[in-house]
Amino acid sequence: MSYVRSTTIDYTTDKIGKNSASIGAVKKLDTEVTTLFAAVNELLSHFYGTTEPNNPVPGQEWYDATAGYYKKWDGASWAASAATTGIANLDEDTSPSLAGLLDCNEFPVQLTASPAVNSTWSGLTCSLTAGENLTIGQVAYLKSDGKMWLADSDTVGTTKGLVAMSTASISGDAAGIFLLYGFLRYDTFNYTVGAPLYIHTTGGVPTETQPGSGKYSRIVGSAKSADIVFFNPSNDYVKVP
């Protein structure tokens, strides 16, 4: 329903007097009251409906029952109200927080396999505390003290368990972002494309060279390109004969 003024009372000639009123003035007043109530009802309902209101004025809002959100008349067309539609893309909110289950509606969460900028990553991360100074690309393991220390294939204790890759320089006892699964680009890397990568025998960034006899071998990913690592640590580790 849309409010359209149907009649006008001339309050000079048709005003209702204190003790008497013309029939015409009363009829016009009755019409105005009926129209006024209709307009008020529309305002109270925020022009809810499936059909756009007629004769809108700029700035007028209307709840589109079909679309499920408010629209505003800009003078030429009905557009979704910014205050009611939320963000159009996730990158418009730098710290989004979910209040419930995230339903992807059968759409995938797609990683960027080739980050365009040096020292960037795409994947699953978490905030952890470093046990010692770490630099970008180094693999660390979770020690019994709850901190991340350089993974080293010399011993089983520094090879097994939770491992993650530092995404930046992180000082000892400071929290930082660690890559659990995904791609990391660091232009200092110089790997062979497709090569499996292992925990290093001296700690630090992964190595293409499988640890030798007596060491512990654990694959932590592979080289996507010379300067991009696909970090995908295996849960398996073995002692090299």
C-alpha atoms as a PDB file:
ATOM      1  CA  MET A   1       0.000   0.000   0.000  1.00  0.00           C
ATOM      2  CA  SER A   2       1.239   3.515  -0.770  1.00  0.00           C
ATOM      3  CA  TYR A   3       0.186   6.820   0.720  1.00  0.00           C
ATOM      4  CA  VAL A   4      -1.238   9.272  -1.837  1.00  0.00           C
ATOM      5  CA  ARG A   5      -2.886  12.500  -0.652  1.00  0.00           C
ATOM      6  CA  SER A   6      -6.375  12.394  -2.111  1.00  0.00           C
ATOM      7  CA  THR A   7      -7.893  15.638  -0.907  1.00  0.00           C
ATOM      8  CA  THR A   8      -7.012  18.906   0.777  1.00  0.00           C
ATOM      9  CA  ILE A   9      -8.906  20.884   3.391  1.00  0.00           C
ATOM     10  CA  ASP A  10      -8.948  24.610   2.975  1.00  0.00           C
ATOM     11  CA  TYR A  11      -8.626  25.610   6.609  1.00  0.00           C
ATOM     12  CA  THR A  12      -9.617  29.157   5.776  1.00  0.00           C
ATOM     13  CA  THR A  13     -12.987  28.478   4.271  1.00  0.00           C
ATOM     14  CA  ASP A  14     -13.695  24.950   5.464  1.00  0.00           C
ATOM     15  CA  LYS A  15     -12.360  25.036   9.013  1.00  0.00           C
ATOM     16  CA  ILE A  16     -14.581  23.460  11.630  1.00  0.00           C
ATOM     17  CA  GLY A  17     -15.952  26.059  13.939  1.00  0.00           C
ATOM     18  CA  LYS A  18     -16.245  25.758  17.702  1.00  0.00           C
ATOM     19  CA  ASN A  19     -20.007  25.276  17.713  1.00  0.00           C
ATOM     20  CA  SER A  20     -20.813  24.404  14.117  1.00  0.00           C
ATOM     21  CA  ALA A  21     -19.244  22.890  11.024  1.00  0.00           C
ATOM     22  CA  SER A  22     -20.289  22.508   7.437  1.00  0.00           C
ATOM     23  CA  ILE A  23     -21.062  19.019   6.176  1.00  0.00           C
ATOM     24  CA  GLY A  24     -18.383  19.463   3.506  1.00  0.00           C
ATOM     25  CA  ALA A  25     -15.712  20.272   6.074  1.00  0.00           C
ATOM     26  CA  VAL A  26     -16.610  17.243   8.192  1.00  0.00           C
ATOM     27  CA  LYS A  27     -16.513  14.938   5.171  1.00  0.00           C
ATOM     28  CA  LYS A  28     -13.133  16.305   4.111  1.00  0.00           C
ATOM     29  CA  LEU A  29     -11.817  15.926   7.639  1.00  0.00           C
ATOM     30  CA  ASP A  30     -13.050  12.328   7.765  1.00  0.00           C
ATOM     31  CA  THR A  31     -11.249  11.615   4.491  1.00  0.00           C
ATOM     32  CA  GLU A  32      -8.064  13.203   5.796  1.00  0.00           C
ATOM     33  CA  VAL A  33      -8.182  11.182   9.026  1.00  0.00           C
ATOM     34  CA  THR A  34      -8.640   7.943   7.099  1.00  0.00           C
ATOM     35  CA  THR A  35      -5.743   8.781   4.800  1.00  0.00           C
ATOM     36  CA  LEU A  36      -3.594   9.885   7.721  1.00  0.00           C
ATOM     37  CA  PHE A  37      -4.122   6.606   9.549  1.00  0.00           C
ATOM     38  CA  ALA A  38      -3.210   4.679   6.419  1.00  0.00           C
ATOM     39  CA  ALA A  39       0.007   6.700   6.081  1.00  0.00           C
ATOM     40  CA  VAL A  40       0.905   6.231   9.750  1.00  0.00           C
ATOM     41  CA  ASN A  41       0.342   2.481   9.500  1.00  0.00           C
ATOM     42  CA  GLU A  42       2.702   2.352   6.539  1.00  0.00           C
ATOM     43  CA  LEU A  43       5.347   4.318   8.414  1.00  0.00           C
ATOM     44  CA  LEU A  44       5.049   2.058  11.440  1.00  0.00           C
ATOM     45  CA  SER A  45       5.513  -1.004   9.259  1.00  0.00           C
ATOM     46  CA  HIS A  46       8.484   0.626   7.444  1.00  0.00           C
ATOM     47  CA  PHE A  47       6.665   0.105   4.158  1.00  0.00           C
ATOM     48  CA  TYR A  48       6.989  -3.662   4.474  1.00  0.00           C
ATOM     49  CA  GLY A  49       5.876  -5.665   1.497  1.00  0.00           C
ATOM     50  CA  THR A  50       6.713  -7.455  -1.720  1.00  0.00           C
ATOM     51  CA  THR A  51       5.739  -4.534  -3.945  1.00  0.00           C
ATOM     52  CA  GLU A  52       7.696  -1.286  -4.083  1.00  0.00           C
ATOM     53  CA  PRO A  53       5.798   1.728  -2.713  1.00  0.00           C
ATOM     54  CA  ASN A  54       4.410   4.254  -5.206  1.00  0.00           C
ATOM     55  CA  ASN A  55       5.504   7.892  -5.265  1.00  0.00           C
ATOM     56  CA  PRO A  56       8.494   7.481  -2.934  1.00  0.00           C
ATOM     57  CA  VAL A  57      10.589  10.435  -1.808  1.00  0.00           C
ATOM     58  CA  PRO A  58      14.416  10.456  -1.632  1.00  0.00           C
ATOM     59  CA  GLY A  59      15.652   8.876   1.575  1.00  0.00           C
ATOM     60  CA  GLN A  60      12.519   6.797   2.079  1.00  0.00           C
ATOM     61  CA  GLU A  61      13.195   3.235   3.259  1.00  0.00           C
ATOM     62  CA  TRP A  62      11.184   0.153   2.455  1.00  0.00           C
ATOM     63  CA  TYR A  63      11.592  -3.411   3.682  1.00  0.00           C
ATOM     64  CA  ASP A  64      11.593  -5.747   0.704  1.00  0.00           C
ATOM     65  CA  ALA A  65       9.935  -8.897   2.077  1.00  0.00           C
ATOM     66  CA  THR A  66      11.103 -10.908  -0.927  1.00  0.00           C
ATOM     67  CA  ALA A  67      14.771  -9.905  -0.691  1.00  0.00           C
ATOM     68  CA  GLY A  68      14.733  -9.891   3.104  1.00  0.00           C
ATOM     69  CA  TYR A  69      16.381  -6.527   3.704  1.00  0.00           C
ATOM     70  CA  TYR A  70      15.769  -2.766   3.650  1.00  0.00           C
ATOM     71  CA  LYS A  71      16.021  -0.680   0.512  1.00  0.00           C
ATOM     72  CA  LYS A  72      16.275   3.079   0.165  1.00  0.00           C
ATOM     73  CA  TRP A  73      14.921   5.317  -2.605  1.00  0.00           C
ATOM     74  CA  ASP A  74      17.752   7.510  -3.947  1.00  0.00           C
ATOM     75  CA  GLY A  75      15.526   9.548  -6.199  1.00  0.00           C
ATOM     76  CA  ALA A  76      15.844   7.230  -9.167  1.00  0.00           C
ATOM     77  CA  SER A  77      15.789   3.646  -7.926  1.00  0.00           C
ATOM     78  CA  TRP A  78      15.551   1.408  -4.874  1.00  0.00           C
ATOM     79  CA  ALA A  79      18.979   0.338  -3.596  1.00  0.00           C
ATOM     80  CA  ALA A  80      19.916  -1.843  -0.664  1.00  0.00           C
ATOM     81  CA  SER A  81      20.479   0.208   2.471  1.00  0.00           C
ATOM     82  CA  ALA A  82      24.134   0.004   3.534  1.00  0.00           C
ATOM     83  CA  ALA A  83      23.168  -0.238   7.176  1.00  0.00           C
ATOM     84  CA  THR A  84      21.113  -3.361   6.591  1.00  0.00           C
ATOM     85  CA  THR A  85      22.986  -5.340   3.934  1.00  0.00           C
ATOM     86  CA  GLY A  86      26.250  -5.755   5.830  1.00  0.00           C
ATOM     87  CA  ILE A  87      29.619  -6.136   4.128  1.00  0.00           C
ATOM     88  CA  ALA A  88      29.801  -7.332   0.541  1.00  0.00           C
ATOM     89  CA  ASN A  89      33.242  -8.932   0.889  1.00  0.00           C
ATOM     90  CA  LEU A  90      35.082 -10.406   3.868  1.00  0.00           C
ATOM     91  CA  ASP A  91      38.102  -8.167   3.263  1.00  0.00           C
ATOM     92  CA  GLU A  92      35.940  -5.167   4.197  1.00  0.00           C
ATOM     93  CA  ASP A  93      36.192  -6.353   7.817  1.00  0.00           C
ATOM     94  CA  THR A  94      39.772  -6.848   9.005  1.00  0.00           C
ATOM     95  CA  SER A  95      38.731  -8.772  12.111  1.00  0.00           C
ATOM     96  CA  PRO A  96      35.459 -10.618  11.405  1.00  0.00           C
ATOM     97  CA  SER A  97      34.018 -12.729  14.207  1.00  0.00           C
ATOM     98  CA  LEU A  98      31.510 -15.527  13.776  1.00  0.00           C
ATOM     99  CA  ALA A  99      28.602 -15.963  16.159  1.00  0.00           C
ATOM    100  CA  GLY A 100      27.712 -19.412  14.905  1.00  0.00           C
ATOM    101  CA  LEU A 101      28.387 -22.127  12.348  1.00  0.00           C
ATOM    102  CA  LEU A 102      29.939 -20.936   9.084  1.00  0.00           C
ATOM    103  CA  ASP A 103      27.935 -22.534   6.288  1.00  0.00           C
ATOM    104  CA  CYS A 104      29.832 -22.313   2.998  1.00  0.00           C
ATOM    105  CA  ASN A 105      26.781 -23.577   1.069  1.00  0.00           C
ATOM    106  CA  GLU A 106      28.889 -26.110  -0.830  1.00  0.00           C
ATOM    107  CA  PHE A 107      31.345 -23.421  -1.957  1.00  0.00           C
ATOM    108  CA  PRO A 108      35.055 -24.147  -1.294  1.00  0.00           C
ATOM    109  CA  VAL A 109      37.473 -22.127   0.808  1.00  0.00           C
ATOM    110  CA  GLN A 110      40.101 -21.461  -1.847  1.00  0.00           C
ATOM    111  CA  LEU A 111      43.729 -20.750  -0.972  1.00  0.00           C
ATOM    112  CA  THR A 112      46.050 -18.593  -3.051  1.00  0.00           C
ATOM    113  CA  ALA A 113      48.654 -21.008  -4.366  1.00  0.00           C
ATOM    114  CA  SER A 114      50.939 -18.245  -5.648  1.00  0.00           C
ATOM    115  CA  PRO A 115      51.005 -15.271  -3.260  1.00  0.00           C
ATOM    116  CA  ALA A 116      51.896 -12.200  -5.324  1.00  0.00           C
ATOM    117  CA  VAL A 117      53.949 -10.442  -2.650  1.00  0.00           C
ATOM    118  CA  ASN A 118      57.130 -11.533  -0.883  1.00  0.00           C
ATOM    119  CA  SER A 119      56.770 -12.667   2.741  1.00  0.00           C
ATOM    120  CA  THR A 120      53.049 -13.386   2.469  1.00  0.00           C
ATOM    121  CA  TRP A 121      51.027 -16.561   2.880  1.00  0.00           C
ATOM    122  CA  SER A 122      47.636 -18.137   2.286  1.00  0.00           C
ATOM    123  CA  GLY A 123      46.312 -20.872   4.494  1.00  0.00           C
ATOM    124  CA  LEU A 124      45.310 -22.021   7.947  1.00  0.00           C
ATOM    125  CA  THR A 125      47.175 -20.225  10.737  1.00  0.00           C
ATOM    126  CA  CYS A 126      47.113 -19.748  14.489  1.00  0.00           C
ATOM    127  CA  SER A 127      48.790 -17.580  17.096  1.00  0.00           C
ATOM    128  CA  LEU A 128      51.465 -19.350  19.132  1.00  0.00           C
ATOM    129  CA  THR A 129      54.299 -18.257  21.412  1.00  0.00           C
ATOM    130  CA  ALA A 130      57.897 -18.671  20.256  1.00  0.00           C
ATOM    131  CA  GLY A 131      60.386 -20.234  22.654  1.00  0.00           C
ATOM    132  CA  GLU A 132      63.339 -18.627  20.854  1.00  0.00           C
ATOM    133  CA  ASN A 133      63.928 -16.096  18.101  1.00  0.00           C
ATOM    134  CA  LEU A 134      62.464 -17.331  14.819  1.00  0.00           C
ATOM    135  CA  THR A 135      62.516 -15.962  11.281  1.00  0.00           C
ATOM    136  CA  ILE A 136      60.089 -16.350   8.405  1.00  0.00           C
ATOM    137  CA  GLY A 137      59.951 -19.810   6.857  1.00  0.00           C
ATOM    138  CA  GLN A 138      61.480 -21.658   9.790  1.00  0.00           C
ATOM    139  CA  VAL A 139      59.752 -24.812  11.010  1.00  0.00           C
ATOM    140  CA  ALA A 140      59.145 -25.068  14.748  1.00  0.00           C
ATOM    141  CA  TYR A 141      57.741 -27.775  16.975  1.00  0.00           C
ATOM    142  CA  LEU A 142      55.582 -27.474  20.087  1.00  0.00           C
ATOM    143  CA  LYS A 143      57.709 -28.222  23.147  1.00  0.00           C
ATOM    144  CA  SER A 144      56.413 -29.412  26.522  1.00  0.00           C
ATOM    145  CA  ASP A 145      56.619 -25.827  27.818  1.00  0.00           C
ATOM    146  CA  GLY A 146      53.867 -24.855  25.376  1.00  0.00           C
ATOM    147  CA  LYS A 147      56.178 -22.781  23.170  1.00  0.00           C
ATOM    148  CA  MET A 148      57.439 -23.187  19.612  1.00  0.00           C
ATOM    149  CA  TRP A 149      61.104 -24.116  19.187  1.00  0.00           C
ATOM    150  CA  LEU A 150      63.165 -24.850  16.065  1.00  0.00           C
ATOM    151  CA  ALA A 151      62.412 -28.320  14.733  1.00  0.00           C
ATOM    152  CA  ASP A 152      65.570 -30.379  14.311  1.00  0.00           C
ATOM    153  CA  SER A 153      65.788 -33.857  12.793  1.00  0.00           C
ATOM    154  CA  ASP A 154      68.699 -34.834  15.064  1.00  0.00           C
ATOM    155  CA  THR A 155      66.343 -36.156  17.760  1.00  0.00           C
ATOM    156  CA  VAL A 156      62.863 -37.583  17.812  1.00  0.00           C
ATOM    157  CA  GLY A 157      61.670 -35.080  20.415  1.00  0.00           C
ATOM    158  CA  THR A 158      62.374 -32.124  18.123  1.00  0.00           C
ATOM    159  CA  THR A 159      60.850 -33.839  15.082  1.00  0.00           C
ATOM    160  CA  LYS A 160      57.539 -35.332  16.121  1.00  0.00           C
ATOM    161  CA  GLY A 161      54.283 -33.745  17.254  1.00  0.00           C
ATOM    162  CA  LEU A 162      52.806 -30.419  16.230  1.00  0.00           C
ATOM    163  CA  VAL A 163      54.961 -28.469  13.812  1.00  0.00           C
ATOM    164  CA  ALA A 164      54.240 -25.126  12.173  1.00  0.00           C
ATOM    165  CA  MET A 165      56.010 -22.583   9.975  1.00  0.00           C
ATOM    166  CA  SER A 166      56.779 -19.073  11.173  1.00  0.00           C
ATOM    167  CA  THR A 167      55.209 -16.452   8.895  1.00  0.00           C
ATOM    168  CA  ALA A 168      57.489 -13.632  10.089  1.00  0.00           C
ATOM    169  CA  SER A 169      60.317 -12.868  12.493  1.00  0.00           C
ATOM    170  CA  ILE A 170      59.101 -13.686  16.012  1.00  0.00           C
ATOM    171  CA  SER A 171      61.065 -12.924  19.140  1.00  0.00           C
ATOM    172  CA  GLY A 172      61.455 -15.488  21.902  1.00  0.00           C
ATOM    173  CA  ASP A 173      58.534 -15.468  24.371  1.00  0.00           C
ATOM    174  CA  ALA A 174      56.471 -13.380  21.948  1.00  0.00           C
ATOM    175  CA  ALA A 175      53.283 -14.481  20.201  1.00  0.00           C
ATOM    176  CA  GLY A 176      53.262 -14.729  16.435  1.00  0.00           C
ATOM    177  CA  ILE A 177      51.371 -16.169  13.499  1.00  0.00           C
ATOM    178  CA  PHE A 178      52.323 -19.692  12.472  1.00  0.00           C
ATOM    179  CA  LEU A 179      51.236 -21.457   9.293  1.00  0.00           C
ATOM    180  CA  LEU A 180      49.643 -24.836   9.983  1.00  0.00           C
ATOM    181  CA  TYR A 181      48.682 -25.613   6.391  1.00  0.00           C
ATOM    182  CA  GLY A 182      49.004 -23.614   3.193  1.00  0.00           C
ATOM    183  CA  PHE A 183      51.346 -21.648   0.966  1.00  0.00           C
ATOM    184  CA  LEU A 184      54.119 -19.272   1.997  1.00  0.00           C
ATOM    185  CA  ARG A 185      56.236 -17.143  -0.322  1.00  0.00           C
ATOM    186  CA  TYR A 186      59.697 -16.010   0.658  1.00  0.00           C
ATOM    187  CA  ASP A 187      61.935 -14.790  -2.142  1.00  0.00           C
ATOM    188  CA  THR A 188      65.065 -15.989  -0.359  1.00  0.00           C
ATOM    189  CA  PHE A 189      63.964 -19.599  -0.855  1.00  0.00           C
ATOM    190  CA  ASN A 190      65.567 -21.427  -3.758  1.00  0.00           C
ATOM    191  CA  TYR A 191      63.910 -24.805  -4.094  1.00  0.00           C
ATOM    192  CA  THR A 192      63.436 -27.263  -6.937  1.00  0.00           C
ATOM    193  CA  VAL A 193      59.816 -27.188  -8.105  1.00  0.00           C
ATOM    194  CA  GLY A 194      57.944 -30.238  -6.808  1.00  0.00           C
ATOM    195  CA  ALA A 195      60.692 -31.364  -4.435  1.00  0.00           C
ATOM    196  CA  PRO A 196      59.602 -32.811  -1.064  1.00  0.00           C
ATOM    197  CA  LEU A 197      60.822 -30.771   1.895  1.00  0.00           C
ATOM    198  CA  TYR A 198      62.101 -32.174   5.188  1.00  0.00           C
ATOM    199  CA  ILE A 199      62.782 -30.877   8.672  1.00  0.00           C
ATOM    200  CA  HIS A 200      66.385 -29.666   8.613  1.00  0.00           C
ATOM    201  CA  THR A 201      69.185 -31.363  10.556  1.00  0.00           C
ATOM    202  CA  THR A 202      70.263 -28.023  12.005  1.00  0.00           C
ATOM    203  CA  GLY A 203      66.811 -26.514  12.463  1.00  0.00           C
ATOM    204  CA  GLY A 204      65.423 -23.651  10.430  1.00  0.00           C
ATOM    205  CA  VAL A 205      63.828 -23.623   7.009  1.00  0.00           C
ATOM    206  CA  PRO A 206      62.906 -26.947   5.374  1.00  0.00           C
ATOM    207  CA  THR A 207      65.483 -28.733   3.253  1.00  0.00           C
ATOM    208  CA  GLU A 208      65.279 -30.765   0.049  1.00  0.00           C
ATOM    209  CA  THR A 209      67.929 -33.122   1.412  1.00  0.00           C
ATOM    210  CA  GLN A 210      66.567 -36.095   3.304  1.00  0.00           C
ATOM    211  CA  PRO A 211      68.290 -36.507   6.695  1.00  0.00           C
ATOM    212  CA  GLY A 212      71.044 -39.105   6.824  1.00  0.00           C
ATOM    213  CA  SER A 213      71.627 -42.199   8.921  1.00  0.00           C
ATOM    214  CA  GLY A 214      70.617 -41.893  12.544  1.00  0.00           C
ATOM    215  CA  LYS A 215      68.510 -38.807  11.909  1.00  0.00           C
ATOM    216  CA  TYR A 216      64.717 -38.564  11.911  1.00  0.00           C
ATOM    217  CA  SER A 217      63.013 -37.977   8.602  1.00  0.00           C
ATOM    218  CA  ARG A 218      59.715 -36.094   8.404  1.00  0.00           C
ATOM    219  CA  ILE A 219      58.270 -34.463   5.296  1.00  0.00           C
ATOM    220  CA  VAL A 220      56.688 -31.093   6.031  1.00  0.00           C
ATOM    221  CA  GLY A 221      55.624 -30.060   2.535  1.00  0.00           C
ATOM    222  CA  SER A 222      56.869 -29.504  -0.974  1.00  0.00           C
ATOM    223  CA  ALA A 223      58.123 -26.743  -3.231  1.00  0.00           C
ATOM    224  CA  LYS A 224      55.334 -25.076  -5.225  1.00  0.00           C
ATOM    225  CA  SER A 225      57.984 -22.966  -6.958  1.00  0.00           C
ATOM    226  CA  ALA A 226      61.517 -21.818  -6.229  1.00  0.00           C
ATOM    227  CA  ASP A 227      60.267 -19.286  -3.681  1.00  0.00           C
ATOM    228  CA  ILE A 228      56.904 -20.736  -2.584  1.00  0.00           C
ATOM    229  CA  VAL A 229      56.474 -23.577  -0.101  1.00  0.00           C
ATOM    230  CA  PHE A 230      53.352 -25.668   0.241  1.00  0.00           C
ATOM    231  CA  PHE A 231      53.399 -26.451   3.965  1.00  0.00           C
ATOM    232  CA  ASN A 232      51.543 -29.702   4.594  1.00  0.00           C
ATOM    233  CA  PRO A 233      53.364 -31.587   7.360  1.00  0.00           C
ATOM    234  CA  SER A 234      53.008 -35.351   7.512  1.00  0.00           C
ATOM    235  CA  ASN A 235      52.230 -36.953  10.864  1.00  0.00           C
ATOM    236  CA  ASP A 236      54.684 -39.719  10.033  1.00  0.00           C
ATOM    237  CA  TYR A 237      58.368 -39.679  10.951  1.00  0.00           C
ATOM    238  CA  VAL A 238      60.986 -42.389  10.784  1.00  0.00           C
ATOM    239  CA  LYS A 239      64.522 -42.892  11.986  1.00  0.00           C
ATOM    240  CA  VAL A 240      66.870 -43.265   9.032  1.00  0.00           C
ATOM    241  CA  PRO A 241      68.841 -46.553   9.256  1.00  0.00           C
END
